[in-house]
C-alpha atoms as a PDB file:
ATOM      1  CA  MET A   1      95.496 112.783  52.322  1.00  0.00           C
ATOM      2  CA  VAL A   2      94.689 109.524  54.105  1.00  0.00           C
ATOM      3  CA  VAL A   3      96.425 109.191  57.469  1.00  0.00           C
ATOM      4  CA  HIS A   4      96.844 105.606  58.634  1.00  0.00           C
ATOM      5  CA  ILE A   5      99.088 105.947  61.689  1.00  0.00           C
ATOM      6  CA  PHE A   6     100.518 108.786  63.753  1.00  0.00           C
ATOM      7  CA  TRP A   7     103.438 108.464  66.187  1.00  0.00           C
ATOM      8  CA  VAL A   8     105.219 110.742  68.603  1.00  0.00           C
ATOM      9  CA  ILE A   9     108.752 109.536  69.343  1.00  0.00           C
ATOM     10  CA  ASN A  10     110.687 111.133  72.188  1.00  0.00           C
ATOM     11  CA  LYS A  11     114.268 112.341  71.839  1.00  0.00           C
ATOM     12  CA  VAL A  12     115.725 108.989  72.964  1.00  0.00           C
ATOM     13  CA  GLY A  13     113.621 106.900  70.571  1.00  0.00           C
ATOM     14  CA  GLY A  14     110.751 105.842  72.817  1.00  0.00           C
ATOM     15  CA  LEU A  15     107.238 105.729  71.387  1.00  0.00           C
ATOM     16  CA  ILE A  16     105.189 108.047  73.595  1.00  0.00           C
ATOM     17  CA  TYR A  17     102.055 108.267  71.447  1.00  0.00           C
ATOM     18  CA  ASP A  18     100.539 105.958  68.862  1.00  0.00           C
ATOM     19  CA  LYS A  19      97.238 106.459  67.065  1.00  0.00           C
ATOM     20  CA  LYS A  20      95.724 104.361  64.295  1.00  0.00           C
ATOM     21  CA  PHE A  21      93.154 106.240  62.225  1.00  0.00           C
ATOM     22  CA  HIS A  22      91.853 103.470  59.958  1.00  0.00           C
ATOM     23  CA  PRO A  23      90.616 100.111  61.275  1.00  0.00           C
ATOM     24  CA  GLY A  24      91.588  98.148  58.132  1.00  0.00           C
ATOM     25  CA  LEU A  25      95.287  98.017  59.019  1.00  0.00           C
ATOM     26  CA  ALA A  26      96.974  94.719  59.774  1.00  0.00           C
ATOM     27  CA  PRO A  27      97.043  94.284  63.559  1.00  0.00           C
ATOM     28  CA  LEU A  28     100.410  94.596  65.257  1.00  0.00           C
ATOM     29  CA  GLY A  29     101.181  94.189  68.927  1.00  0.00           C
ATOM     30  CA  VAL A  30     102.391  96.997  71.161  1.00  0.00           C
ATOM     31  CA  ASN A  31     105.934  95.587  71.131  1.00  0.00           C
ATOM     32  CA  ALA A  32     105.991  95.644  67.321  1.00  0.00           C
ATOM     33  CA  TYR A  33     105.145  99.361  67.299  1.00  0.00           C
ATOM     34  CA  LEU A  34     107.802 100.031  69.929  1.00  0.00           C
ATOM     35  CA  LYS A  35     110.387  98.205  67.806  1.00  0.00           C
ATOM     36  CA  LEU A  36     109.342  99.986  64.597  1.00  0.00           C
ATOM     37  CA  SER A  37     109.513 103.417  66.187  1.00  0.00           C
ATOM     38  CA  GLY A  38     112.897 102.604  67.732  1.00  0.00           C
ATOM     39  CA  CYS A  39     114.218 101.450  64.357  1.00  0.00           C
ATOM     40  CA  PHE A  40     112.947 104.619  62.713  1.00  0.00           C
ATOM     41  CA  HIS A  41     114.614 106.745  65.408  1.00  0.00           C
ATOM     42  CA  ALA A  42     117.941 104.949  64.803  1.00  0.00           C
ATOM     43  CA  GLN A  43     117.680 105.356  61.016  1.00  0.00           C
ATOM     44  CA  HIS A  44     116.791 109.019  61.448  1.00  0.00           C
ATOM     45  CA  ALA A  45     119.913 109.558  63.569  1.00  0.00           C
ATOM     46  CA  LEU A  46     122.109 107.642  61.087  1.00  0.00           C
ATOM     47  CA  ALA A  47     120.781 109.663  58.161  1.00  0.00           C
ATOM     48  CA  ARG A  48     121.659 112.864  59.996  1.00  0.00           C
ATOM     49  CA  GLN A  49     125.214 111.666  60.734  1.00  0.00           C
ATOM     50  CA  LEU A  50     125.861 110.277  57.246  1.00  0.00           C
ATOM     51  CA  SER A  51     124.676 113.370  55.417  1.00  0.00           C
ATOM     52  CA  PRO A  52     127.485 115.129  53.550  1.00  0.00           C
ATOM     53  CA  VAL A  53     125.720 118.435  54.231  1.00  0.00           C
ATOM     54  CA  GLY A  54     126.178 119.751  57.748  1.00  0.00           C
ATOM     55  CA  GLY A  55     123.084 120.549  59.756  1.00  0.00           C
ATOM     56  CA  ASP A  56     120.935 117.931  58.020  1.00  0.00           C
ATOM     57  CA  SER A  57     117.665 117.206  59.818  1.00  0.00           C
ATOM     58  CA  GLY A  58     117.589 113.450  59.188  1.00  0.00           C
ATOM     59  CA  ILE A  59     114.761 111.592  57.470  1.00  0.00           C
ATOM     60  CA  GLU A  60     111.840 113.795  56.527  1.00  0.00           C
ATOM     61  CA  TYR A  61     110.123 111.592  53.951  1.00  0.00           C
ATOM     62  CA  ILE A  62     110.080 107.948  52.896  1.00  0.00           C
ATOM     63  CA  GLU A  63     108.089 106.613  49.965  1.00  0.00           C
ATOM     64  CA  ALA A  64     107.343 102.888  49.785  1.00  0.00           C
ATOM     65  CA  GLU A  65     105.134 100.831  47.520  1.00  0.00           C
ATOM     66  CA  ASP A  66     102.126 100.914  49.873  1.00  0.00           C
ATOM     67  CA  PHE A  67     102.630 103.993  52.048  1.00  0.00           C
ATOM     68  CA  LYS A  68     104.422 107.281  52.575  1.00  0.00           C
ATOM     69  CA  LEU A  69     106.033 108.336  55.839  1.00  0.00           C
ATOM     70  CA  PHE A  70     106.498 111.979  56.776  1.00  0.00           C
ATOM     71  CA  CYS A  71     108.509 113.135  59.786  1.00  0.00           C
ATOM     72  CA  TYR A  72     108.892 116.475  61.530  1.00  0.00           C
ATOM     73  CA  GLU A  73     111.506 116.804  64.249  1.00  0.00           C
ATOM     74  CA  ALA A  74     110.812 119.571  66.760  1.00  0.00           C
ATOM     75  CA  PRO A  75     113.672 121.671  68.157  1.00  0.00           C
ATOM     76  CA  THR A  76     113.452 119.576  71.347  1.00  0.00           C
ATOM     77  CA  GLY A  77     114.233 116.360  69.429  1.00  0.00           C
ATOM     78  CA  VAL A  78     110.697 114.961  69.594  1.00  0.00           C
ATOM     79  CA  LYS A  79     109.634 113.425  66.272  1.00  0.00           C
ATOM     80  CA  PHE A  80     106.122 113.560  64.839  1.00  0.00           C
ATOM     81  CA  VAL A  81     105.550 110.829  62.255  1.00  0.00           C
ATOM     82  CA  LEU A  82     102.603 110.470  59.879  1.00  0.00           C
ATOM     83  CA  ILE A  83     102.189 107.276  57.880  1.00  0.00           C
ATOM     84  CA  THR A  84      99.827 107.960  55.010  1.00  0.00           C
ATOM     85  CA  GLY A  85      98.435 106.323  51.908  1.00  0.00           C
ATOM     86  CA  ARG A  86     100.675 106.200  48.870  1.00  0.00           C
ATOM     87  CA  GLN A  87      98.462 108.706  47.029  1.00  0.00           C
ATOM     88  CA  THR A  88      99.312 111.466  49.511  1.00  0.00           C
ATOM     89  CA  GLN A  89     101.102 114.382  47.902  1.00  0.00           C
ATOM     90  CA  ASN A  90     102.906 117.087  49.842  1.00  0.00           C
ATOM     91  CA  ILE A  91     101.638 119.752  47.455  1.00  0.00           C
ATOM     92  CA  ASN A  92     102.542 123.241  48.664  1.00  0.00           C
ATOM     93  CA  GLY A  93     103.844 121.687  51.869  1.00  0.00           C
ATOM     94  CA  LYS A  94     100.381 120.561  53.062  1.00  0.00           C
ATOM     95  CA  VAL A  95     101.708 117.550  54.994  1.00  0.00           C
ATOM     96  CA  ASP A  96     104.517 119.642  56.486  1.00  0.00           C
ATOM     97  CA  ALA A  97     101.926 122.206  57.599  1.00  0.00           C
ATOM     98  CA  VAL A  98      99.836 119.464  59.236  1.00  0.00           C
ATOM     99  CA  LEU A  99     102.905 118.157  61.102  1.00  0.00           C
ATOM    100  CA  ARG A 100     103.754 121.645  62.337  1.00  0.00           C
ATOM    101  CA  ALA A 101     100.134 122.183  63.414  1.00  0.00           C
ATOM    102  CA  ILE A 102     100.323 118.897  65.349  1.00  0.00           C
ATOM    103  CA  TYR A 103     103.493 120.162  67.027  1.00  0.00           C
ATOM    104  CA  GLU A 104     101.649 123.344  68.040  1.00  0.00           C
ATOM    105  CA  LEU A 105      98.849 121.219  69.548  1.00  0.00           C
ATOM    106  CA  TYR A 106     101.505 119.174  71.379  1.00  0.00           C
ATOM    107  CA  ALA A 107     103.046 122.337  72.802  1.00  0.00           C
ATOM    108  CA  ASP A 108      99.667 123.787  73.800  1.00  0.00           C
ATOM    109  CA  TYR A 109      97.917 120.735  75.235  1.00  0.00           C
ATOM    110  CA  VAL A 110     100.657 118.313  76.306  1.00  0.00           C
ATOM    111  CA  LEU A 111     103.680 120.362  77.335  1.00  0.00           C
ATOM    112  CA  LYS A 112     101.573 122.961  79.144  1.00  0.00           C
ATOM    113  CA  ASN A 113      99.681 120.259  81.043  1.00  0.00           C
ATOM    114  CA  HIS A 114     100.926 120.259  84.643  1.00  0.00           C
ATOM    115  CA  PHE A 115     100.159 116.557  85.033  1.00  0.00           C
ATOM    116  CA  TYR A 116     102.282 115.452  82.053  1.00  0.00           C
ATOM    117  CA  ASP A 117     105.835 114.221  82.664  1.00  0.00           C
ATOM    118  CA  MET A 118     108.302 114.674  79.809  1.00  0.00           C
ATOM    119  CA  ASP A 119     109.134 111.575  77.752  1.00  0.00           C
ATOM    120  CA  GLN A 120     106.252 109.606  79.269  1.00  0.00           C
ATOM    121  CA  PRO A 121     103.304 108.236  77.263  1.00  0.00           C
ATOM    122  CA  ILE A 122     100.862 110.983  76.305  1.00  0.00           C
ATOM    123  CA  ARG A 123      97.443 110.590  77.927  1.00  0.00           C
ATOM    124  CA  VAL A 124      95.838 114.004  77.544  1.00  0.00           C
ATOM    125  CA  GLU A 125      92.186 114.000  76.457  1.00  0.00           C
ATOM    126  CA  LYS A 126      92.171 117.530  74.968  1.00  0.00           C
ATOM    127  CA  TRP A 127      95.245 116.642  72.883  1.00  0.00           C
ATOM    128  CA  GLU A 128      93.467 113.565  71.515  1.00  0.00           C
ATOM    129  CA  THR A 129      90.333 115.524  70.647  1.00  0.00           C
ATOM    130  CA  LYS A 130      92.207 118.334  68.909  1.00  0.00           C
ATOM    131  CA  LEU A 131      94.514 115.893  67.096  1.00  0.00           C
ATOM    132  CA  GLU A 132      91.598 113.850  65.749  1.00  0.00           C
ATOM    133  CA  ALA A 133      89.850 117.028  64.544  1.00  0.00           C
ATOM    134  CA  LEU A 134      93.020 118.244  62.820  1.00  0.00           C
ATOM    135  CA  ILE A 135      93.600 114.909  61.062  1.00  0.00           C
ATOM    136  CA  GLU A 136      89.938 114.711  60.037  1.00  0.00           C
ATOM    137  CA  GLN A 137      90.164 118.205  58.559  1.00  0.00           C
ATOM    138  CA  ALA A 138      93.425 117.362  56.755  1.00  0.00           C
ATOM    139  CA  GLU A 139      91.874 114.265  55.204  1.00  0.00           C
ATOM    140  CA  LEU A 140      89.177 116.310  53.428  1.00  0.00           C
END
């Protein structure tokens, strides 16, 4: 699995964390990432409302020509989004397991941090270190 970008989107659609893992990506400005994450949040909400099956969780997976997008929505409404290479396969739920492990790191290192305010940008050094180690391990 090759992870290109990771986002955390708060429950109202604001981008509170953005990490690029590979330097070869086309550069985008901060505003572009804010717009993209907001658009994804809106599409996620629309997919949930338009689903003919009640209790749908919205968009969990998108496959495009050049990338795959995986999303896990926590019970609090925070979304964890991985944008990976197109070769990534979710065999035996590996990507889902990585997203849930990231959520556990978020709960342990961000939410339990007394200096973090909910829905604000995440700037927690231990979170960054643990996240990078988890992604590096997942890419093996």
